[in-house]
Amino acid sequence: MPKLKTHSGAKKRFKITKSGKVVRGHANMSHLLNGHGKTRKTKRALRGTAIADKTNVAQVKRLLPYQN
């Protein structure tokens, strides 16, 4: 059976932890970061990572075949 290709977009956006959870970044950090955009508190909260929802884990792991 041939090797599977890793999805280029997914490998930049997701990481699989040792326990098999999917880590992702937050959205809404590309623009409107000062002035009338987001508060300091909102931007600080969006800075970190989050665990992907269980409904999306199977799809992400399919896009990253050799990471899990």
PDB file of N, CA and C in Angstrom:
ATOM      1  N   MET A   1       0.838  -1.185   0.000  1.00  0.00           N
ATOM      2  CA  MET A   1       0.000   0.000   0.000  1.00  0.00           C
ATOM      3  C   MET A   1       0.889   1.257   0.000  1.00  0.00           C
ATOM      4  N   PRO A   2       0.544   2.270  -0.819  1.00  0.00           N
ATOM      5  CA  PRO A   2       1.392   3.457  -0.903  1.00  0.00           C
ATOM      6  C   PRO A   2       1.311   4.308   0.355  1.00  0.00           C
ATOM      7  N   LYS A   3       2.307   5.169   0.491  1.00  0.00           N
ATOM      8  CA  LYS A   3       2.318   6.093   1.625  1.00  0.00           C
ATOM      9  C   LYS A   3       1.198   7.117   1.451  1.00  0.00           C
ATOM     10  N   LEU A   4       0.673   7.606   2.562  1.00  0.00           N
ATOM     11  CA  LEU A   4      -0.358   8.637   2.534  1.00  0.00           C
ATOM     12  C   LEU A   4       0.293  10.000   2.667  1.00  0.00           C
ATOM     13  N   LYS A   5      -0.258  10.987   1.980  1.00  0.00           N
ATOM     14  CA  LYS A   5       0.275  12.337   2.098  1.00  0.00           C
ATOM     15  C   LYS A   5      -0.372  13.051   3.273  1.00  0.00           C
ATOM     16  N   THR A   6       0.425  13.797   4.006  1.00  0.00           N
ATOM     17  CA  THR A   6      -0.067  14.634   5.092  1.00  0.00           C
ATOM     18  C   THR A   6      -0.655  15.895   4.490  1.00  0.00           C
ATOM     19  N   HIS A   7      -1.786  16.350   5.004  1.00  0.00           N
ATOM     20  CA  HIS A   7      -2.438  17.562   4.524  1.00  0.00           C
ATOM     21  C   HIS A   7      -1.609  18.772   4.960  1.00  0.00           C
ATOM     22  N   SER A   8      -1.137  19.561   3.992  1.00  0.00           N
ATOM     23  CA  SER A   8      -0.222  20.663   4.281  1.00  0.00           C
ATOM     24  C   SER A   8      -0.844  21.725   5.183  1.00  0.00           C
ATOM     25  N   GLY A   9      -2.120  22.020   4.968  1.00  0.00           N
ATOM     26  CA  GLY A   9      -2.785  23.026   5.800  1.00  0.00           C
ATOM     27  C   GLY A   9      -2.978  22.551   7.220  1.00  0.00           C
ATOM     28  N   ALA A  10      -3.283  21.269   7.373  1.00  0.00           N
ATOM     29  CA  ALA A  10      -3.530  20.720   8.706  1.00  0.00           C
ATOM     30  C   ALA A  10      -2.256  20.632   9.533  1.00  0.00           C
ATOM     31  N   LYS A  11      -1.136  20.311   8.901  1.00  0.00           N
ATOM     32  CA  LYS A  11       0.103  20.166   9.668  1.00  0.00           C
ATOM     33  C   LYS A  11       0.584  21.506  10.212  1.00  0.00           C
ATOM     34  N   LYS A  12       0.168  22.610   9.571  1.00  0.00           N
ATOM     35  CA  LYS A  12       0.525  23.935  10.072  1.00  0.00           C
ATOM     36  C   LYS A  12      -0.394  24.385  11.196  1.00  0.00           C
ATOM     37  N   ARG A  13      -1.573  23.812  11.295  1.00  0.00           N
ATOM     38  CA  ARG A  13      -2.587  24.304  12.233  1.00  0.00           C
ATOM     39  C   ARG A  13      -2.835  23.436  13.453  1.00  0.00           C
ATOM     40  N   PHE A  14      -2.520  22.141  13.349  1.00  0.00           N
ATOM     41  CA  PHE A  14      -2.839  21.219  14.440  1.00  0.00           C
ATOM     42  C   PHE A  14      -1.614  20.447  14.885  1.00  0.00           C
ATOM     43  N   LYS A  15      -1.651  20.021  16.148  1.00  0.00           N
ATOM     44  CA  LYS A  15      -0.595  19.175  16.694  1.00  0.00           C
ATOM     45  C   LYS A  15      -1.275  18.104  17.537  1.00  0.00           C
ATOM     46  N   ILE A  16      -0.788  16.872  17.432  1.00  0.00           N
ATOM     47  CA  ILE A  16      -1.335  15.772  18.213  1.00  0.00           C
ATOM     48  C   ILE A  16      -0.465  15.600  19.458  1.00  0.00           C
ATOM     49  N   THR A  17      -1.085  15.577  20.636  1.00  0.00           N
ATOM     50  CA  THR A  17      -0.336  15.387  21.876  1.00  0.00           C
ATOM     51  C   THR A  17      -0.025  13.908  22.071  1.00  0.00           C
ATOM     52  N   LYS A  18       0.800  13.613  23.073  1.00  0.00           N
ATOM     53  CA  LYS A  18       1.164  12.226  23.366  1.00  0.00           C
ATOM     54  C   LYS A  18      -0.059  11.395  23.735  1.00  0.00           C
ATOM     55  N   SER A  19      -1.027  12.032  24.389  1.00  0.00           N
ATOM     56  CA  SER A  19      -2.233  11.304  24.802  1.00  0.00           C
ATOM     57  C   SER A  19      -3.272  11.202  23.695  1.00  0.00           C
ATOM     58  N   GLY A  20      -2.999  11.803  22.515  1.00  0.00           N
ATOM     59  CA  GLY A  20      -3.897  11.679  21.376  1.00  0.00           C
ATOM     60  C   GLY A  20      -4.871  12.822  21.197  1.00  0.00           C
ATOM     61  N   LYS A  21      -4.766  13.860  22.027  1.00  0.00           N
ATOM     62  CA  LYS A  21      -5.641  15.020  21.873  1.00  0.00           C
ATOM     63  C   LYS A  21      -5.118  15.902  20.746  1.00  0.00           C
ATOM     64  N   VAL A  22      -6.018  16.693  20.158  1.00  0.00           N
ATOM     65  CA  VAL A  22      -5.645  17.588  19.074  1.00  0.00           C
ATOM     66  C   VAL A  22      -5.591  19.008  19.619  1.00  0.00           C
ATOM     67  N   VAL A  23      -4.429  19.662  19.467  1.00  0.00           N
ATOM     68  CA  VAL A  23      -4.247  21.030  19.941  1.00  0.00           C
ATOM     69  C   VAL A  23      -4.376  21.964  18.754  1.00  0.00           C
ATOM     70  N   ARG A  24      -5.070  23.067  18.946  1.00  0.00           N
ATOM     71  CA  ARG A  24      -5.287  24.043  17.878  1.00  0.00           C
ATOM     72  C   ARG A  24      -5.078  25.444  18.425  1.00  0.00           C
ATOM     73  N   GLY A  25      -4.902  26.390  17.526  1.00  0.00           N
ATOM     74  CA  GLY A  25      -4.817  27.788  17.900  1.00  0.00           C
ATOM     75  C   GLY A  25      -6.201  28.417  17.850  1.00  0.00           C
ATOM     76  N   HIS A  26      -6.301  29.647  18.330  1.00  0.00           N
ATOM     77  CA  HIS A  26      -7.575  30.352  18.304  1.00  0.00           C
ATOM     78  C   HIS A  26      -7.730  31.163  17.014  1.00  0.00           C
ATOM     79  N   ALA A  27      -8.963  31.355  16.608  1.00  0.00           N
ATOM     80  CA  ALA A  27      -9.267  32.204  15.460  1.00  0.00           C
ATOM     81  C   ALA A  27      -9.371  33.660  15.918  1.00  0.00           C
ATOM     82  N   ASN A  28      -9.605  34.564  14.992  1.00  0.00           N
ATOM     83  CA  ASN A  28      -9.846  35.989  15.255  1.00  0.00           C
ATOM     84  C   ASN A  28      -8.626  36.759  15.722  1.00  0.00           C
ATOM     85  N   MET A  29      -7.433  36.333  15.301  1.00  0.00           N
ATOM     86  CA  MET A  29      -6.237  37.075  15.688  1.00  0.00           C
ATOM     87  C   MET A  29      -5.490  37.651  14.477  1.00  0.00           C
ATOM     88  N   SER A  30      -6.165  37.789  13.353  1.00  0.00           N
ATOM     89  CA  SER A  30      -5.460  38.238  12.149  1.00  0.00           C
ATOM     90  C   SER A  30      -5.528  39.746  11.948  1.00  0.00           C
ATOM     91  N   HIS A  31      -6.624  40.392  12.302  1.00  0.00           N
ATOM     92  CA  HIS A  31      -6.713  41.844  12.124  1.00  0.00           C
ATOM     93  C   HIS A  31      -7.697  42.432  13.127  1.00  0.00           C
ATOM     94  N   LEU A  32      -7.851  43.752  13.081  1.00  0.00           N
ATOM     95  CA  LEU A  32      -8.651  44.516  14.052  1.00  0.00           C
ATOM     96  C   LEU A  32      -8.158  44.254  15.478  1.00  0.00           C
ATOM     97  N   LEU A  33      -6.859  44.410  15.673  1.00  0.00           N
ATOM     98  CA  LEU A  33      -6.273  44.110  16.972  1.00  0.00           C
ATOM     99  C   LEU A  33      -6.077  45.344  17.840  1.00  0.00           C
ATOM    100  N   ASN A  34      -6.366  46.527  17.326  1.00  0.00           N
ATOM    101  CA  ASN A  34      -6.297  47.729  18.159  1.00  0.00           C
ATOM    102  C   ASN A  34      -7.408  48.692  17.761  1.00  0.00           C
ATOM    103  N   GLY A  35      -7.622  49.700  18.550  1.00  0.00           N
ATOM    104  CA  GLY A  35      -8.675  50.655  18.257  1.00  0.00           C
ATOM    105  C   GLY A  35     -10.043  50.075  18.533  1.00  0.00           C
ATOM    106  N   HIS A  36     -10.855  49.948  17.492  1.00  0.00           N
ATOM    107  CA  HIS A  36     -12.229  49.460  17.646  1.00  0.00           C
ATOM    108  C   HIS A  36     -12.348  47.953  17.487  1.00  0.00           C
ATOM    109  N   GLY A  37     -11.251  47.261  17.561  1.00  0.00           N
ATOM    110  CA  GLY A  37     -11.284  45.817  17.356  1.00  0.00           C
ATOM    111  C   GLY A  37     -11.598  45.041  18.606  1.00  0.00           C
ATOM    112  N   LYS A  38     -10.561  44.513  19.256  1.00  0.00           N
ATOM    113  CA  LYS A  38     -10.743  43.634  20.412  1.00  0.00           C
ATOM    114  C   LYS A  38     -10.106  44.261  21.645  1.00  0.00           C
ATOM    115  N   THR A  39     -10.634  43.878  22.790  1.00  0.00           N
ATOM    116  CA  THR A  39     -10.077  44.392  24.033  1.00  0.00           C
ATOM    117  C   THR A  39      -8.772  43.678  24.362  1.00  0.00           C
ATOM    118  N   ARG A  40      -8.025  44.236  25.283  1.00  0.00           N
ATOM    119  CA  ARG A  40      -6.767  43.644  25.726  1.00  0.00           C
ATOM    120  C   ARG A  40      -7.015  42.266  26.316  1.00  0.00           C
ATOM    121  N   LYS A  41      -8.090  42.143  27.053  1.00  0.00           N
ATOM    122  CA  LYS A  41      -8.438  40.870  27.694  1.00  0.00           C
ATOM    123  C   LYS A  41      -8.738  39.796  26.650  1.00  0.00           C
ATOM    124  N   THR A  42      -9.473  40.145  25.609  1.00  0.00           N
ATOM    125  CA  THR A  42      -9.816  39.199  24.547  1.00  0.00           C
ATOM    126  C   THR A  42      -8.573  38.704  23.820  1.00  0.00           C
ATOM    127  N   LYS A  43      -7.687  39.649  23.474  1.00  0.00           N
ATOM    128  CA  LYS A  43      -6.473  39.274  22.749  1.00  0.00           C
ATOM    129  C   LYS A  43      -5.574  38.385  23.597  1.00  0.00           C
ATOM    130  N   ARG A  44      -5.517  38.643  24.880  1.00  0.00           N
ATOM    131  CA  ARG A  44      -4.703  37.831  25.779  1.00  0.00           C
ATOM    132  C   ARG A  44      -5.248  36.411  25.861  1.00  0.00           C
ATOM    133  N   ALA A  45      -6.569  36.274  25.872  1.00  0.00           N
ATOM    134  CA  ALA A  45      -7.208  34.959  25.940  1.00  0.00           C
ATOM    135  C   ALA A  45      -7.020  34.174  24.644  1.00  0.00           C
ATOM    136  N   LEU A  46      -6.994  34.865  23.514  1.00  0.00           N
ATOM    137  CA  LEU A  46      -6.850  34.200  22.212  1.00  0.00           C
ATOM    138  C   LEU A  46      -5.417  33.778  21.916  1.00  0.00           C
ATOM    139  N   ARG A  47      -4.463  34.266  22.700  1.00  0.00           N
ATOM    140  CA  ARG A  47      -3.056  33.992  22.443  1.00  0.00           C
ATOM    141  C   ARG A  47      -2.677  32.516  22.604  1.00  0.00           C
ATOM    142  N   GLY A  48      -3.269  31.857  23.572  1.00  0.00           N
ATOM    143  CA  GLY A  48      -2.900  30.477  23.867  1.00  0.00           C
ATOM    144  C   GLY A  48      -3.515  29.475  22.926  1.00  0.00           C
ATOM    145  N   THR A  49      -3.305  28.211  23.241  1.00  0.00           N
ATOM    146  CA  THR A  49      -3.863  27.138  22.424  1.00  0.00           C
ATOM    147  C   THR A  49      -5.088  26.547  23.110  1.00  0.00           C
ATOM    148  N   ALA A  50      -5.808  25.726  22.378  1.00  0.00           N
ATOM    149  CA  ALA A  50      -7.000  25.067  22.903  1.00  0.00           C
ATOM    150  C   ALA A  50      -7.029  23.630  22.404  1.00  0.00           C
ATOM    151  N   ILE A  51      -7.794  22.800  23.079  1.00  0.00           N
ATOM    152  CA  ILE A  51      -7.988  21.418  22.657  1.00  0.00           C
ATOM    153  C   ILE A  51      -9.168  21.385  21.690  1.00  0.00           C
ATOM    154  N   ALA A  52      -9.003  20.709  20.558  1.00  0.00           N
ATOM    155  CA  ALA A  52     -10.071  20.618  19.563  1.00  0.00           C
ATOM    156  C   ALA A  52     -11.237  19.800  20.107  1.00  0.00           C
ATOM    157  N   ASP A  53     -12.426  20.113  19.651  1.00  0.00           N
ATOM    158  CA  ASP A  53     -13.636  19.419  20.071  1.00  0.00           C
ATOM    159  C   ASP A  53     -13.604  17.973  19.594  1.00  0.00           C
ATOM    160  N   LYS A  54     -14.220  17.094  20.358  1.00  0.00           N
ATOM    161  CA  LYS A  54     -14.194  15.661  20.035  1.00  0.00           C
ATOM    162  C   LYS A  54     -14.868  15.342  18.710  1.00  0.00           C
ATOM    163  N   THR A  55     -15.780  16.215  18.252  1.00  0.00           N
ATOM    164  CA  THR A  55     -16.452  15.978  16.976  1.00  0.00           C
ATOM    165  C   THR A  55     -15.521  16.193  15.786  1.00  0.00           C
ATOM    166  N   ASN A  56     -14.411  16.909  15.973  1.00  0.00           N
ATOM    167  CA  ASN A  56     -13.485  17.209  14.886  1.00  0.00           C
ATOM    168  C   ASN A  56     -12.212  16.379  14.922  1.00  0.00           C
ATOM    169  N   VAL A  57     -12.003  15.651  15.998  1.00  0.00           N
ATOM    170  CA  VAL A  57     -10.735  14.935  16.199  1.00  0.00           C
ATOM    171  C   VAL A  57     -10.497  13.880  15.119  1.00  0.00           C
ATOM    172  N   ALA A  58     -11.501  13.107  14.776  1.00  0.00           N
ATOM    173  CA  ALA A  58     -11.328  12.038  13.789  1.00  0.00           C
ATOM    174  C   ALA A  58     -10.922  12.597  12.428  1.00  0.00           C
ATOM    175  N   GLN A  59     -11.512  13.705  12.021  1.00  0.00           N
ATOM    176  CA  GLN A  59     -11.194  14.313  10.727  1.00  0.00           C
ATOM    177  C   GLN A  59      -9.764  14.848  10.714  1.00  0.00           C
ATOM    178  N   VAL A  60      -9.362  15.491  11.800  1.00  0.00           N
ATOM    179  CA  VAL A  60      -8.006  16.047  11.862  1.00  0.00           C
ATOM    180  C   VAL A  60      -6.972  14.925  11.846  1.00  0.00           C
ATOM    181  N   LYS A  61      -7.222  13.847  12.566  1.00  0.00           N
ATOM    182  CA  LYS A  61      -6.285  12.728  12.598  1.00  0.00           C
ATOM    183  C   LYS A  61      -6.184  12.035  11.239  1.00  0.00           C
ATOM    184  N   ARG A  62      -7.260  12.089  10.463  1.00  0.00           N
ATOM    185  CA  ARG A  62      -7.221  11.527   9.114  1.00  0.00           C
ATOM    186  C   ARG A  62      -6.327  12.376   8.202  1.00  0.00           C
ATOM    187  N   LEU A  63      -6.293  13.685   8.452  1.00  0.00           N
ATOM    188  CA  LEU A  63      -5.457  14.578   7.647  1.00  0.00           C
ATOM    189  C   LEU A  63      -3.984  14.487   8.040  1.00  0.00           C
ATOM    190  N   LEU A  64      -3.714  14.002   9.262  1.00  0.00           N
ATOM    191  CA  LEU A  64      -2.343  13.852   9.759  1.00  0.00           C
ATOM    192  C   LEU A  64      -2.055  12.382  10.005  1.00  0.00           C
ATOM    193  N   PRO A  65      -1.874  11.589   8.966  1.00  0.00           N
ATOM    194  CA  PRO A  65      -1.828  10.134   9.129  1.00  0.00           C
ATOM    195  C   PRO A  65      -0.667   9.596   9.963  1.00  0.00           C
ATOM    196  N   TYR A  66       0.500  10.237   9.953  1.00  0.00           N
ATOM    197  CA  TYR A  66       1.645   9.652  10.648  1.00  0.00           C
ATOM    198  C   TYR A  66       1.976  10.340  11.958  1.00  0.00           C
ATOM    199  N   GLN A  67       1.165  11.300  12.374  1.00  0.00           N
ATOM    200  CA  GLN A  67       1.406  11.990  13.620  1.00  0.00           C
ATOM    201  C   GLN A  67       0.736  11.322  14.815  1.00  0.00           C
ATOM    202  N   ASN A  68      -0.242  10.445  14.571  1.00  0.00           N
ATOM    203  CA  ASN A  68      -0.956   9.844  15.719  1.00  0.00           C
ATOM    204  C   ASN A  68      -0.603   8.393  15.890  1.00  0.00           C
TER     205      ASN A  68
END
